[in-house]
Protein backbone atom coordinates (compact mmCIF):
# COMPACT_ATOMS: atom_id res chain seq x y z
CA UNK A 1 8.81 -0.82 -12.61
CA UNK A 2 9.43 -4.56 -12.47
CA UNK A 3 13.17 -3.98 -12.28
CA UNK A 4 12.65 -2.03 -9.05
CA UNK A 5 10.69 -4.96 -7.63
CA UNK A 6 13.45 -7.40 -8.58
CA UNK A 7 16.05 -5.16 -6.91
CA UNK A 8 13.96 -5.10 -3.71
CA UNK A 9 13.58 -8.87 -3.81
CA UNK A 10 17.31 -9.34 -4.30
CA UNK A 11 17.96 -7.14 -1.25
CA UNK A 12 15.51 -9.03 0.97
CA UNK A 13 16.10 -12.53 -0.41
CA UNK A 14 19.75 -12.63 -1.57
CA UNK A 15 20.10 -16.44 -1.39
CA UNK A 16 16.76 -17.37 -2.93
CA UNK A 17 16.47 -18.23 -6.59
CA UNK A 18 13.20 -16.89 -7.87
CA UNK A 19 11.04 -19.81 -9.06
CA UNK A 20 8.64 -19.72 -11.96
CA UNK A 21 5.61 -18.03 -10.36
CA UNK A 22 2.20 -17.94 -11.97
CA UNK A 23 0.38 -14.72 -11.15
CA UNK A 24 -3.08 -13.84 -12.34
CA UNK A 25 -2.41 -10.35 -13.69
CA UNK A 26 -5.96 -10.00 -15.06
CA UNK A 27 -7.43 -10.76 -11.64
CA UNK A 28 -5.05 -8.20 -10.11
CA UNK A 29 -6.15 -5.65 -12.70
CA UNK A 30 -9.85 -6.17 -11.87
CA UNK A 31 -9.18 -6.10 -8.10
CA UNK A 32 -7.12 -2.95 -8.46
CA UNK A 33 -9.86 -1.11 -10.35
CA UNK A 34 -12.33 -1.94 -7.58
CA UNK A 35 -9.83 -0.93 -4.88
CA UNK A 36 -8.99 2.34 -6.67
CA UNK A 37 -12.69 3.28 -6.72
CA UNK A 38 -12.89 2.66 -2.95
CA UNK A 39 -9.78 4.72 -2.23
CA UNK A 40 -10.61 7.55 -4.63
CA UNK A 41 -10.71 10.98 -2.95
CA UNK A 42 -9.27 9.55 0.29
CA UNK A 43 -5.80 9.41 1.82
CA UNK A 44 -4.51 5.83 1.93
CA UNK A 45 -2.91 4.61 5.15
CA UNK A 46 -1.10 1.32 4.58
CA UNK A 47 -0.18 -1.07 7.38
CA UNK A 48 1.64 -4.39 7.39
CA UNK A 49 3.56 -6.52 9.84
CA UNK A 50 7.10 -5.45 10.67
CA UNK A 51 8.48 -8.14 8.33
CA UNK A 52 6.32 -6.80 5.49
CA UNK A 53 6.75 -3.10 6.16
CA UNK A 54 8.71 -2.80 2.90
CA UNK A 55 5.48 -3.71 1.06
CA UNK A 56 3.50 -1.02 2.86
CA UNK A 57 6.24 1.47 1.96
CA UNK A 58 6.17 0.30 -1.66
CA UNK A 59 2.40 0.93 -1.81
CA UNK A 60 2.86 4.37 -0.26
CA UNK A 61 5.51 5.36 -2.80
CA UNK A 62 3.30 4.16 -5.66
CA UNK A 63 0.38 6.23 -4.39
CA UNK A 64 2.65 9.27 -4.05
CA UNK A 65 4.47 9.02 -7.36
CA UNK A 66 2.01 7.26 -9.69
CA UNK A 67 -1.36 8.43 -8.41
CA UNK A 68 -0.02 11.80 -7.23
CA UNK A 69 -1.77 11.62 -3.85
CA UNK A 70 -0.53 11.74 -0.27
CA UNK A 71 -0.28 8.35 1.43
CA UNK A 72 1.32 7.12 4.62
CA UNK A 73 2.45 3.77 5.98
CA UNK A 74 3.51 2.09 9.18
CA UNK A 75 3.51 -1.35 10.71
CA UNK A 76 1.45 -3.29 13.19
CA UNK A 77 1.46 -3.26 16.16
CA UNK A 78 2.64 0.38 16.19
CA UNK A 79 -0.74 1.48 14.85
CA UNK A 80 -2.33 0.13 18.02
CA UNK A 81 0.08 1.95 20.35
CA UNK A 82 -0.22 5.59 19.34
CA UNK A 83 -1.61 6.11 15.84
CA UNK A 84 -5.01 4.73 16.80
CA UNK A 85 -5.52 7.80 19.01
CA UNK A 86 -5.50 9.90 15.84
CA UNK A 87 -8.82 8.38 14.81
CA UNK A 88 -10.78 10.04 17.63
CA UNK A 89 -12.12 12.82 15.37
CA UNK A 90 -14.89 11.31 13.22
CA UNK A 91 -15.03 14.36 10.94
CA UNK A 92 -11.43 13.65 9.82
CA UNK A 93 -11.85 9.90 9.55
CA UNK A 94 -13.95 10.04 6.40
CA UNK A 95 -10.82 11.29 4.59
CA UNK A 96 -8.85 8.07 5.16
CA UNK A 97 -8.84 4.60 3.68
CA UNK A 98 -6.81 1.99 5.57
CA UNK A 99 -5.16 -0.92 3.77
CA UNK A 100 -3.89 -3.85 5.85
CA UNK A 101 -1.40 -6.05 3.98
CA UNK A 102 -1.44 -9.48 5.61
CA UNK A 103 0.77 -12.44 4.83
CA UNK A 104 0.11 -16.07 5.87
CA UNK A 105 3.49 -16.04 7.65
CA UNK A 106 2.53 -13.07 9.84
CA UNK A 107 2.23 -13.95 13.54
CA UNK A 108 -1.31 -14.82 14.67
CA UNK A 109 -1.26 -11.89 17.11
CA UNK A 110 -0.63 -9.45 14.22
CA UNK A 111 -3.45 -11.01 12.16
CA UNK A 112 -5.79 -10.66 15.15
CA UNK A 113 -4.75 -7.03 15.68
CA UNK A 114 -5.52 -6.26 12.03
CA UNK A 115 -9.02 -7.77 12.32
CA UNK A 116 -9.82 -6.06 15.63
CA UNK A 117 -8.39 -2.75 14.38
CA UNK A 118 -10.49 -2.97 11.23
CA UNK A 119 -13.66 -3.41 13.34
CA UNK A 120 -12.60 -0.56 15.63
CA UNK A 121 -11.90 1.78 12.70
CA UNK A 122 -15.25 0.95 11.12
CA UNK A 123 -16.95 2.16 14.32
CA UNK A 124 -14.92 5.37 13.98
CA UNK A 125 -16.07 5.89 10.38
CA UNK A 126 -12.87 4.76 8.64
CA UNK A 127 -13.16 2.54 5.59
CA UNK A 128 -10.60 -0.24 5.30
CA UNK A 129 -9.67 -3.47 3.59
CA UNK A 130 -7.52 -6.43 4.56
CA UNK A 131 -5.54 -7.75 1.61
CA UNK A 132 -4.58 -11.32 2.41
CA UNK A 133 -1.65 -12.91 0.70
CA UNK A 134 -1.91 -16.52 -0.39
CA UNK A 135 0.74 -19.05 -1.29
CA UNK A 136 4.44 -18.68 -0.69
CA UNK A 137 6.21 -15.52 0.39
CA UNK A 138 7.70 -14.65 -2.98
CA UNK A 139 4.34 -15.01 -4.71
CA UNK A 140 2.81 -12.75 -2.08
CA UNK A 141 5.47 -10.09 -2.62
CA UNK A 142 5.05 -10.09 -6.39
CA UNK A 143 1.24 -10.13 -6.11
CA UNK A 144 1.39 -7.14 -3.78
CA UNK A 145 3.71 -5.28 -6.16
CA UNK A 146 1.37 -5.89 -9.09
CA UNK A 147 -1.76 -4.96 -7.14
CA UNK A 148 -0.07 -1.79 -5.88
CA UNK A 149 1.10 -0.80 -9.36
CA UNK A 150 -2.32 -1.30 -10.91
CA UNK A 151 -4.21 0.37 -8.05
CA UNK A 152 -1.97 3.45 -8.25
CA UNK A 153 -2.40 3.56 -12.01
CA UNK A 154 -6.21 3.40 -11.81
CA UNK A 155 -6.27 6.03 -9.05
CA UNK A 156 -4.29 8.34 -11.32
CA UNK A 157 -6.78 7.71 -14.12
CA UNK A 158 -9.77 8.30 -11.81
CA UNK A 159 -8.25 11.63 -10.78
CA UNK A 160 -7.41 12.54 -14.38
CA UNK A 161 -3.72 12.61 -13.46
CA UNK A 162 -0.85 11.49 -15.64
CA UNK A 163 0.57 8.38 -13.88
CA UNK A 164 4.04 9.80 -14.50
CA UNK A 165 3.27 13.20 -12.93
CA UNK A 166 4.99 12.36 -9.63
CA UNK A 167 8.36 12.51 -11.32
CA UNK A 168 7.54 15.97 -12.71
CA UNK A 169 6.69 17.23 -9.22
CA UNK A 170 9.97 15.85 -7.90
CA UNK A 171 11.89 17.56 -10.71
CA UNK A 172 10.07 20.83 -10.01
CA UNK A 173 11.10 20.61 -6.35
CA UNK A 174 14.72 19.87 -7.30
CA UNK A 175 14.79 22.98 -9.50
CA UNK A 176 13.56 25.09 -6.58
CA UNK A 177 16.25 23.61 -4.36
CA UNK A 178 18.92 24.39 -6.94
CA UNK A 179 17.86 28.06 -7.07
CA UNK A 180 18.20 28.65 -3.35
């Protein structure tokens, strides 16, 4: 999986040489277990700033393919323009868990929207978390990748799903397409 992350980084940061980055993998593992328990049996909705949308998409794909659950992503401020209207039905809201991926370089207005949206969603019965990046941008990207990978893995384990089952579902679909 790390090779996929490096390919993404090379696409987004072609001129940057990746420095020696110290990441606390054990801390990420513990955080991911806690996060997986919060998300368990819910549909994750992942939001980030426009500049970090690729991270939200990465999390979504991990939830789909590793944990074998539906997940969706978008960016702020789009959530506040039309998607927020979808949270008017409290009986549906208990099925969602919102993850906001925030980076120190995000504009202050986006950070404020995430905080206000989190408070608003809480009133509507939606659980959420703001995951704040720290340090430089590259460290934040790698930390997010690691946290996403671990969280998806633990969600799969909580649901007694093989973390590699997403690929089997994709292959099953491809076989159906080949028949028709």
